[in-house]
């Protein structure tokens, strides 16, 4: 049993076993619970980051293998086309030159696609919007400054 003093100065007996925890105890309990939740979330984030890294490495390795398979397939197709041209009476050197020229044309077309699409990597609409907003803000600030200057004269 503990003694408690009330504002009138009288002592009251309190059974400490049945007393509810005070604000400090509740704060400690909440603090420890919060720490556990934060720790659990950080552990989960760390595990998922590791898994994401491993997944990325696997995806890159698979992508490299797919690219190698596609290149070898392309080479076989070009070789088959050259062989077909040779069988049709075209000289070997002319057939190889035609195959090289076809590859070059395909590469130039793809380069054009890449060049056209790269424009959007710079977020042009967002930059234009920000520029317009900035210009409007600057104009508004100049107007406000001019009005303030006229008012003080």
Protein backbone atom coordinates (compact mmCIF):
# COMPACT_ATOMS: atom_id res chain seq x y z
CA UNK A 1 0.00 0.00 0.00
CA UNK A 2 1.14 3.49 -0.84
CA UNK A 3 0.04 6.79 0.59
CA UNK A 4 -1.34 9.48 -1.70
CA UNK A 5 -1.71 13.13 -0.72
CA UNK A 6 -4.71 14.94 -2.09
CA UNK A 7 -4.84 18.74 -2.45
CA UNK A 8 -6.50 19.16 0.97
CA UNK A 9 -3.42 17.60 2.59
CA UNK A 10 -5.05 14.40 3.77
CA UNK A 11 -3.44 11.06 3.09
CA UNK A 12 -5.34 8.38 1.23
CA UNK A 13 -4.22 4.75 1.06
CA UNK A 14 -3.86 3.34 -2.47
CA UNK A 15 -3.43 -0.30 -3.34
CA UNK A 16 -0.41 -0.11 -5.76
CA UNK A 17 -1.20 -3.55 -7.21
CA UNK A 18 -4.58 -2.35 -8.50
CA UNK A 19 -3.49 1.16 -9.53
CA UNK A 20 -3.71 2.04 -13.22
CA UNK A 21 -0.44 3.00 -14.85
CA UNK A 22 0.24 6.69 -14.97
CA UNK A 23 0.86 8.78 -18.03
CA UNK A 24 4.60 8.09 -17.80
CA UNK A 25 4.05 4.33 -17.83
CA UNK A 26 1.61 4.58 -20.73
CA UNK A 27 4.12 6.73 -22.62
CA UNK A 28 6.85 4.14 -22.00
CA UNK A 29 4.59 1.34 -23.23
CA UNK A 30 3.66 3.31 -26.34
CA UNK A 31 7.30 4.23 -26.96
CA UNK A 32 8.40 0.58 -26.79
CA UNK A 33 5.52 -0.48 -29.05
CA UNK A 34 6.45 2.24 -31.54
CA UNK A 35 10.09 1.16 -31.48
CA UNK A 36 9.06 -2.45 -32.19
CA UNK A 37 6.84 -1.39 -35.08
CA UNK A 38 9.57 0.83 -36.57
CA UNK A 39 12.16 -1.93 -36.15
CA UNK A 40 9.86 -4.46 -37.81
CA UNK A 41 9.18 -2.11 -40.71
CA UNK A 42 12.88 -1.37 -41.16
CA UNK A 43 13.69 -5.09 -41.14
CA UNK A 44 10.97 -5.69 -43.73
CA UNK A 45 12.29 -2.84 -45.89
CA UNK A 46 15.83 -4.21 -45.63
CA UNK A 47 14.72 -7.70 -46.62
CA UNK A 48 12.68 -6.37 -49.54
CA UNK A 49 15.58 -4.19 -50.66
CA UNK A 50 17.82 -7.24 -50.68
CA UNK A 51 15.21 -9.23 -52.60
CA UNK A 52 14.75 -6.37 -55.08
CA UNK A 53 18.52 -6.23 -55.63
CA UNK A 54 18.73 -9.96 -56.22
CA UNK A 55 15.76 -9.75 -58.59
CA UNK A 56 17.38 -6.91 -60.51
CA UNK A 57 20.62 -8.89 -60.92
CA UNK A 58 18.64 -11.91 -62.13
CA UNK A 59 16.68 -9.77 -64.57
CA UNK A 60 19.83 -8.15 -65.96
CA UNK A 61 21.52 -11.54 -66.39
CA UNK A 62 18.42 -12.93 -68.13
CA UNK A 63 18.25 -9.82 -70.32
CA UNK A 64 21.87 -10.27 -71.40
CA UNK A 65 21.20 -13.91 -72.24
CA UNK A 66 18.06 -12.99 -74.21
CA UNK A 67 20.04 -10.36 -76.11
CA UNK A 68 22.75 -12.90 -76.96
CA UNK A 69 20.12 -15.37 -78.19
CA UNK A 70 18.42 -12.69 -80.29
CA UNK A 71 21.74 -11.63 -81.83
CA UNK A 72 22.60 -15.23 -82.71
CA UNK A 73 19.11 -15.70 -84.18
CA UNK A 74 19.54 -12.54 -86.25
CA UNK A 75 22.91 -13.75 -87.51
CA UNK A 76 21.43 -17.11 -88.54
CA UNK A 77 18.59 -15.33 -90.37
CA UNK A 78 21.04 -13.07 -92.20
CA UNK A 79 23.22 -16.06 -93.08
CA UNK A 80 20.14 -17.91 -94.39
CA UNK A 81 19.20 -14.87 -96.50
CA UNK A 82 22.75 -14.65 -97.87
CA UNK A 83 22.70 -18.39 -98.67
CA UNK A 84 19.36 -18.01 -100.42
CA UNK A 85 20.72 -15.14 -102.51
CA UNK A 86 23.80 -17.18 -103.44
CA UNK A 87 21.58 -20.13 -104.42
CA UNK A 88 19.54 -17.72 -106.59
CA UNK A 89 22.63 -16.81 -108.59
CA UNK A 90 23.86 -13.70 -106.74
CA UNK A 91 27.58 -13.70 -106.04
CA UNK A 92 28.64 -14.29 -102.44
CA UNK A 93 30.24 -10.87 -102.11
CA UNK A 94 27.12 -9.12 -103.46
CA UNK A 95 24.86 -11.13 -101.14
CA UNK A 96 27.00 -10.23 -98.10
CA UNK A 97 27.06 -6.59 -99.16
CA UNK A 98 23.24 -6.62 -99.45
CA UNK A 99 22.99 -8.20 -95.98
CA UNK A 100 25.30 -5.54 -94.52
CA UNK A 101 23.31 -2.79 -96.24
CA UNK A 102 20.02 -4.22 -94.89
CA UNK A 103 21.51 -4.27 -91.37
CA UNK A 104 22.68 -0.69 -91.76
CA UNK A 105 19.24 0.49 -92.93
CA UNK A 106 17.56 -1.32 -90.01
CA UNK A 107 20.07 0.27 -87.59
CA UNK A 108 19.39 3.76 -89.01
CA UNK A 109 15.62 3.31 -88.72
CA UNK A 110 15.98 2.19 -85.10
CA UNK A 111 18.35 5.11 -84.41
CA UNK A 112 15.65 7.47 -85.71
CA UNK A 113 13.08 5.88 -83.39
CA UNK A 114 15.44 6.25 -80.42
CA UNK A 115 16.21 9.85 -81.30
CA UNK A 116 12.52 10.78 -81.63
CA UNK A 117 11.55 9.04 -78.40
CA UNK A 118 14.45 10.49 -76.39
CA UNK A 119 12.74 13.89 -76.50
CA UNK A 120 10.23 12.66 -73.92
CA UNK A 121 12.95 11.63 -71.46
CA UNK A 122 13.42 15.31 -70.60
CA UNK A 123 9.79 15.68 -69.34
CA UNK A 124 9.04 18.48 -71.82
CA UNK A 125 5.44 19.16 -70.71
CA UNK A 126 6.48 19.36 -67.06
CA UNK A 127 9.36 21.70 -67.84
CA UNK A 128 7.09 23.87 -70.02
CA UNK A 129 4.50 24.01 -67.23
CA UNK A 130 7.12 24.91 -64.63
CA UNK A 131 8.55 27.56 -66.93
CA UNK A 132 5.11 29.08 -67.49
CA UNK A 133 4.38 29.01 -63.76
CA UNK A 134 7.74 30.61 -63.03
CA UNK A 135 7.13 33.34 -65.62
CA UNK A 136 3.69 34.05 -64.18
CA UNK A 137 5.08 34.15 -60.64
CA UNK A 138 7.85 36.52 -61.71
CA UNK A 139 5.32 38.79 -63.44
CA UNK A 140 3.07 38.73 -60.35
CA UNK A 141 6.02 39.59 -58.11
CA UNK A 142 7.03 42.50 -60.37
CA UNK A 143 3.44 43.77 -60.34
CA UNK A 144 3.27 43.54 -56.55
CA UNK A 145 6.61 45.32 -56.20
CA UNK A 146 5.53 48.05 -58.61
CA UNK A 147 2.25 48.54 -56.72
CA UNK A 148 4.10 48.66 -53.40
CA UNK A 149 6.57 51.22 -54.81
CA UNK A 150 3.75 53.43 -56.08
CA UNK A 151 1.97 53.24 -52.73
CA UNK A 152 5.04 54.37 -50.79
CA UNK A 153 5.72 57.36 -53.08
